[in-house]
Amino acid sequence: MAKKKDKDGKGSSTIALNKRARHEYHIEERFEAGVALQGWEVKSLRAGRINLGDAYAVVRGGELFLFGASIPPLLSASTHVVADERRTRKLLLHRAEIDKLIGAVERKGQTLVPLAMYWKHNRAKIEIGIARGKQAHDKRASEKQREWNIEKQRTLRAHNKAG
């Protein structure tokens, strides 16, 4: 009998998150892109082996490419291939989306940052964000806001238990 898919979405299809990007940048808009991968890279992704920490996207010749993403090869999967774990990978988007991203990068001086990688219909997708760098005081303010939200939740929970 075939395996049943999770209807409630509990089975996470997320491969990797770039938490550093949310800390370092203001994310203004998000796009979903496909990634052109080799076979050994897909096997490594299925094993959850990827690092998006130093990755960024660049426009070259009217196309988008992912730089700095590290996908270490599995020893068993890449015996016959010379694997380059930090190779440049092409991102697959519609022309209108690419044009919008080119405009944001070239005219506004913004950055394209990968936010997450996940599986969607058995294809690896990457979420790219148009980002603007945060200043040090912005980082402190967002940290203070996050701590205040946690404290507020604790207070509300304690108040609800007492009442």
C-alpha atoms as a PDB file:
ATOM      1  CA  MET A   1       0.000   0.000   0.000  1.00  0.00           C
ATOM      2  CA  ALA A   2       1.252   3.474  -0.823  1.00  0.00           C
ATOM      3  CA  LYS A   3       2.335   5.841   1.910  1.00  0.00           C
ATOM      4  CA  LYS A   4      -0.180   8.504   2.843  1.00  0.00           C
ATOM      5  CA  LYS A   5       0.856  12.144   2.752  1.00  0.00           C
ATOM      6  CA  ASP A   6       0.365  14.279   5.838  1.00  0.00           C
ATOM      7  CA  LYS A   7      -2.785  16.333   5.302  1.00  0.00           C
ATOM      8  CA  ASP A   8      -2.108  18.630   8.248  1.00  0.00           C
ATOM      9  CA  GLY A   9       1.424  19.487   7.156  1.00  0.00           C
ATOM     10  CA  LYS A  10       3.110  18.057  10.256  1.00  0.00           C
ATOM     11  CA  GLY A  11       5.713  16.241   8.152  1.00  0.00           C
ATOM     12  CA  SER A  12       8.195  19.049   7.594  1.00  0.00           C
ATOM     13  CA  SER A  13       9.523  19.387   4.081  1.00  0.00           C
ATOM     14  CA  THR A  14      12.033  22.050   5.119  1.00  0.00           C
ATOM     15  CA  ILE A  15      15.613  21.122   4.314  1.00  0.00           C
ATOM     16  CA  ALA A  16      17.396  24.165   5.763  1.00  0.00           C
ATOM     17  CA  LEU A  17      16.682  27.614   7.190  1.00  0.00           C
ATOM     18  CA  ASN A  18      18.952  30.632   7.053  1.00  0.00           C
ATOM     19  CA  LYS A  19      18.300  32.122  10.498  1.00  0.00           C
ATOM     20  CA  ARG A  20      21.237  34.479  10.145  1.00  0.00           C
ATOM     21  CA  ALA A  21      19.577  36.202   7.193  1.00  0.00           C
ATOM     22  CA  ARG A  22      16.557  37.177   9.285  1.00  0.00           C
ATOM     23  CA  HIS A  23      18.897  38.616  11.909  1.00  0.00           C
ATOM     24  CA  GLU A  24      21.191  40.495   9.506  1.00  0.00           C
ATOM     25  CA  TYR A  25      18.622  41.852   7.007  1.00  0.00           C
ATOM     26  CA  HIS A  26      15.189  43.435   6.665  1.00  0.00           C
ATOM     27  CA  ILE A  27      13.368  41.087   4.279  1.00  0.00           C
ATOM     28  CA  GLU A  28      11.102  43.120   2.008  1.00  0.00           C
ATOM     29  CA  GLU A  29       9.795  40.575  -0.491  1.00  0.00           C
ATOM     30  CA  ARG A  30      10.084  36.819  -0.971  1.00  0.00           C
ATOM     31  CA  PHE A  31      10.259  34.673  -4.088  1.00  0.00           C
ATOM     32  CA  GLU A  32      10.225  30.927  -4.639  1.00  0.00           C
ATOM     33  CA  ALA A  33      12.822  29.626  -7.078  1.00  0.00           C
ATOM     34  CA  GLY A  34      13.751  26.226  -8.375  1.00  0.00           C
ATOM     35  CA  VAL A  35      17.380  25.110  -8.193  1.00  0.00           C
ATOM     36  CA  ALA A  36      19.310  23.316 -10.947  1.00  0.00           C
ATOM     37  CA  LEU A  37      21.009  20.450  -9.090  1.00  0.00           C
ATOM     38  CA  GLN A  38      23.090  17.408  -9.940  1.00  0.00           C
ATOM     39  CA  GLY A  39      22.101  13.922  -8.798  1.00  0.00           C
ATOM     40  CA  TRP A  40      24.583  13.695  -5.934  1.00  0.00           C
ATOM     41  CA  GLU A  41      23.367  17.068  -4.633  1.00  0.00           C
ATOM     42  CA  VAL A  42      19.778  15.836  -4.467  1.00  0.00           C
ATOM     43  CA  LYS A  43      20.896  12.804  -2.467  1.00  0.00           C
ATOM     44  CA  SER A  44      22.791  15.063  -0.045  1.00  0.00           C
ATOM     45  CA  LEU A  45      19.753  17.322   0.322  1.00  0.00           C
ATOM     46  CA  ARG A  46      17.558  14.310   1.115  1.00  0.00           C
ATOM     47  CA  ALA A  47      20.022  13.582   3.937  1.00  0.00           C
ATOM     48  CA  GLY A  48      19.666  17.224   5.089  1.00  0.00           C
ATOM     49  CA  ARG A  49      23.231  18.226   4.293  1.00  0.00           C
ATOM     50  CA  ILE A  50      23.284  21.888   3.273  1.00  0.00           C
ATOM     51  CA  ASN A  51      24.564  25.135   4.738  1.00  0.00           C
ATOM     52  CA  LEU A  52      22.954  28.407   3.584  1.00  0.00           C
ATOM     53  CA  GLY A  53      24.782  30.601   6.109  1.00  0.00           C
ATOM     54  CA  ASP A  54      27.204  32.272   3.678  1.00  0.00           C
ATOM     55  CA  ALA A  55      25.018  31.993   0.573  1.00  0.00           C
ATOM     56  CA  TYR A  56      23.711  34.812  -1.589  1.00  0.00           C
ATOM     57  CA  ALA A  57      22.171  35.185  -5.041  1.00  0.00           C
ATOM     58  CA  VAL A  58      23.690  37.173  -7.910  1.00  0.00           C
ATOM     59  CA  VAL A  59      22.394  38.313 -11.286  1.00  0.00           C
ATOM     60  CA  ARG A  60      24.679  37.501 -14.235  1.00  0.00           C
ATOM     61  CA  GLY A  61      23.679  37.842 -17.863  1.00  0.00           C
ATOM     62  CA  GLY A  62      19.989  38.166 -17.058  1.00  0.00           C
ATOM     63  CA  GLU A  63      19.979  34.962 -14.972  1.00  0.00           C
ATOM     64  CA  LEU A  64      20.105  34.287 -11.242  1.00  0.00           C
ATOM     65  CA  PHE A  65      22.773  32.151  -9.589  1.00  0.00           C
ATOM     66  CA  LEU A  66      23.245  30.917  -6.028  1.00  0.00           C
ATOM     67  CA  PHE A  67      26.751  31.434  -4.609  1.00  0.00           C
ATOM     68  CA  GLY A  68      28.260  30.153  -1.386  1.00  0.00           C
ATOM     69  CA  ALA A  69      25.728  27.444  -0.543  1.00  0.00           C
ATOM     70  CA  SER A  70      27.602  24.400   0.697  1.00  0.00           C
ATOM     71  CA  ILE A  71      26.205  20.947  -0.101  1.00  0.00           C
ATOM     72  CA  PRO A  72      28.748  18.385   1.126  1.00  0.00           C
ATOM     73  CA  PRO A  73      28.624  15.157  -0.885  1.00  0.00           C
ATOM     74  CA  LEU A  74      27.674  11.827   0.636  1.00  0.00           C
ATOM     75  CA  LEU A  75      30.533   9.340   0.514  1.00  0.00           C
ATOM     76  CA  SER A  76      28.336   6.623  -0.941  1.00  0.00           C
ATOM     77  CA  ALA A  77      26.545   8.791  -3.518  1.00  0.00           C
ATOM     78  CA  SER A  78      29.417  10.545  -5.256  1.00  0.00           C
ATOM     79  CA  THR A  79      32.045   7.862  -5.844  1.00  0.00           C
ATOM     80  CA  HIS A  80      32.239   8.367  -9.613  1.00  0.00           C
ATOM     81  CA  VAL A  81      31.815  12.165  -9.672  1.00  0.00           C
ATOM     82  CA  VAL A  82      34.227  14.910  -8.689  1.00  0.00           C
ATOM     83  CA  ALA A  83      31.940  16.851  -6.355  1.00  0.00           C
ATOM     84  CA  ASP A  84      32.386  20.584  -5.792  1.00  0.00           C
ATOM     85  CA  GLU A  85      30.324  21.361  -2.702  1.00  0.00           C
ATOM     86  CA  ARG A  86      30.401  25.152  -3.214  1.00  0.00           C
ATOM     87  CA  ARG A  87      29.695  25.250  -6.929  1.00  0.00           C
ATOM     88  CA  THR A  88      27.505  27.960  -8.432  1.00  0.00           C
ATOM     89  CA  ARG A  89      23.940  26.750  -8.931  1.00  0.00           C
ATOM     90  CA  LYS A  90      21.434  28.270 -11.329  1.00  0.00           C
ATOM     91  CA  LEU A  91      18.135  29.505  -9.877  1.00  0.00           C
ATOM     92  CA  LEU A  92      15.010  28.961 -11.948  1.00  0.00           C
ATOM     93  CA  LEU A  93      12.398  31.736 -11.995  1.00  0.00           C
ATOM     94  CA  HIS A  94       9.969  33.268 -14.460  1.00  0.00           C
ATOM     95  CA  ARG A  95      11.303  36.129 -16.589  1.00  0.00           C
ATOM     96  CA  ALA A  96       9.033  38.721 -14.915  1.00  0.00           C
ATOM     97  CA  GLU A  97      10.321  37.686 -11.474  1.00  0.00           C
ATOM     98  CA  ILE A  98      13.942  37.843 -12.632  1.00  0.00           C
ATOM     99  CA  ASP A  99      13.354  41.331 -14.066  1.00  0.00           C
ATOM    100  CA  LYS A 100      11.843  42.484 -10.774  1.00  0.00           C
ATOM    101  CA  LEU A 101      14.829  41.098  -8.842  1.00  0.00           C
ATOM    102  CA  ILE A 102      17.301  42.709 -11.245  1.00  0.00           C
ATOM    103  CA  GLY A 103      15.570  46.060 -10.716  1.00  0.00           C
ATOM    104  CA  ALA A 104      15.743  45.722  -6.921  1.00  0.00           C
ATOM    105  CA  VAL A 105      19.421  44.787  -6.956  1.00  0.00           C
ATOM    106  CA  GLU A 106      20.713  47.243  -9.555  1.00  0.00           C
ATOM    107  CA  ARG A 107      18.558  50.324  -8.902  1.00  0.00           C
ATOM    108  CA  LYS A 108      17.859  50.106  -5.193  1.00  0.00           C
ATOM    109  CA  GLY A 109      21.128  48.439  -4.157  1.00  0.00           C
ATOM    110  CA  GLN A 110      19.425  45.621  -2.288  1.00  0.00           C
ATOM    111  CA  THR A 111      20.708  42.092  -1.730  1.00  0.00           C
ATOM    112  CA  LEU A 112      19.249  38.715  -2.693  1.00  0.00           C
ATOM    113  CA  VAL A 113      19.500  36.353   0.262  1.00  0.00           C
ATOM    114  CA  PRO A 114      18.377  32.706   0.433  1.00  0.00           C
ATOM    115  CA  LEU A 115      16.021  32.289   3.390  1.00  0.00           C
ATOM    116  CA  ALA A 116      15.037  28.617   3.261  1.00  0.00           C
ATOM    117  CA  MET A 117      15.314  25.481   1.173  1.00  0.00           C
ATOM    118  CA  TYR A 118      12.492  22.965   1.090  1.00  0.00           C
ATOM    119  CA  TRP A 119      10.835  20.194  -0.911  1.00  0.00           C
ATOM    120  CA  LYS A 120       7.726  20.982  -2.936  1.00  0.00           C
ATOM    121  CA  HIS A 121       6.232  18.186  -5.030  1.00  0.00           C
ATOM    122  CA  ASN A 122       9.572  16.306  -4.853  1.00  0.00           C
ATOM    123  CA  ARG A 123      11.498  19.266  -6.229  1.00  0.00           C
ATOM    124  CA  ALA A 124      14.003  21.312  -4.265  1.00  0.00           C
ATOM    125  CA  LYS A 125      12.857  24.914  -3.960  1.00  0.00           C
ATOM    126  CA  ILE A 126      14.642  27.846  -2.400  1.00  0.00           C
ATOM    127  CA  GLU A 127      13.046  30.952  -0.932  1.00  0.00           C
ATOM    128  CA  ILE A 128      14.917  34.090  -1.987  1.00  0.00           C
ATOM    129  CA  GLY A 129      14.328  37.387  -0.211  1.00  0.00           C
ATOM    130  CA  ILE A 130      14.982  40.922  -1.398  1.00  0.00           C
ATOM    131  CA  ALA A 131      16.836  42.246   1.617  1.00  0.00           C
ATOM    132  CA  ARG A 132      18.194  45.489   3.014  1.00  0.00           C
ATOM    133  CA  GLY A 133      20.995  45.285   5.577  1.00  0.00           C
ATOM    134  CA  LYS A 134      20.221  46.123   9.195  1.00  0.00           C
ATOM    135  CA  GLN A 135      22.265  48.594  11.181  1.00  0.00           C
ATOM    136  CA  ALA A 136      23.519  47.658  14.649  1.00  0.00           C
ATOM    137  CA  HIS A 137      20.771  49.666  16.353  1.00  0.00           C
ATOM    138  CA  ASP A 138      18.129  47.892  14.230  1.00  0.00           C
ATOM    139  CA  LYS A 139      19.433  44.520  15.401  1.00  0.00           C
ATOM    140  CA  ARG A 140      19.272  45.638  19.028  1.00  0.00           C
ATOM    141  CA  ALA A 141      15.737  46.959  18.571  1.00  0.00           C
ATOM    142  CA  SER A 142      14.478  43.733  16.992  1.00  0.00           C
ATOM    143  CA  GLU A 143      16.164  41.696  19.755  1.00  0.00           C
ATOM    144  CA  LYS A 144      14.503  43.890  22.390  1.00  0.00           C
ATOM    145  CA  GLN A 145      11.125  43.501  20.659  1.00  0.00           C
ATOM    146  CA  ARG A 146      11.519  39.708  20.529  1.00  0.00           C
ATOM    147  CA  GLU A 147      12.410  39.552  24.241  1.00  0.00           C
ATOM    148  CA  TRP A 148       9.422  41.769  25.085  1.00  0.00           C
ATOM    149  CA  ASN A 149       7.073  39.442  23.148  1.00  0.00           C
ATOM    150  CA  ILE A 150       8.419  36.426  25.061  1.00  0.00           C
ATOM    151  CA  GLU A 151       7.974  38.203  28.399  1.00  0.00           C
ATOM    152  CA  LYS A 152       4.469  39.282  27.432  1.00  0.00           C
ATOM    153  CA  GLN A 153       3.542  35.659  26.592  1.00  0.00           C
ATOM    154  CA  ARG A 154       4.915  34.459  29.951  1.00  0.00           C
ATOM    155  CA  THR A 155       2.920  37.085  31.824  1.00  0.00           C
ATOM    156  CA  LEU A 156      -0.282  36.238  29.970  1.00  0.00           C
ATOM    157  CA  ARG A 157       0.218  32.508  30.587  1.00  0.00           C
ATOM    158  CA  ALA A 158       0.806  33.094  34.303  1.00  0.00           C
ATOM    159  CA  HIS A 159      -2.242  35.355  34.502  1.00  0.00           C
ATOM    160  CA  ASN A 160      -4.460  32.799  32.722  1.00  0.00           C
ATOM    161  CA  LYS A 161      -3.351  29.986  35.055  1.00  0.00           C
ATOM    162  CA  ALA A 162      -4.084  32.098  38.142  1.00  0.00           C
ATOM    163  CA  GLY A 163      -7.514  33.212  36.916  1.00  0.00           C
END
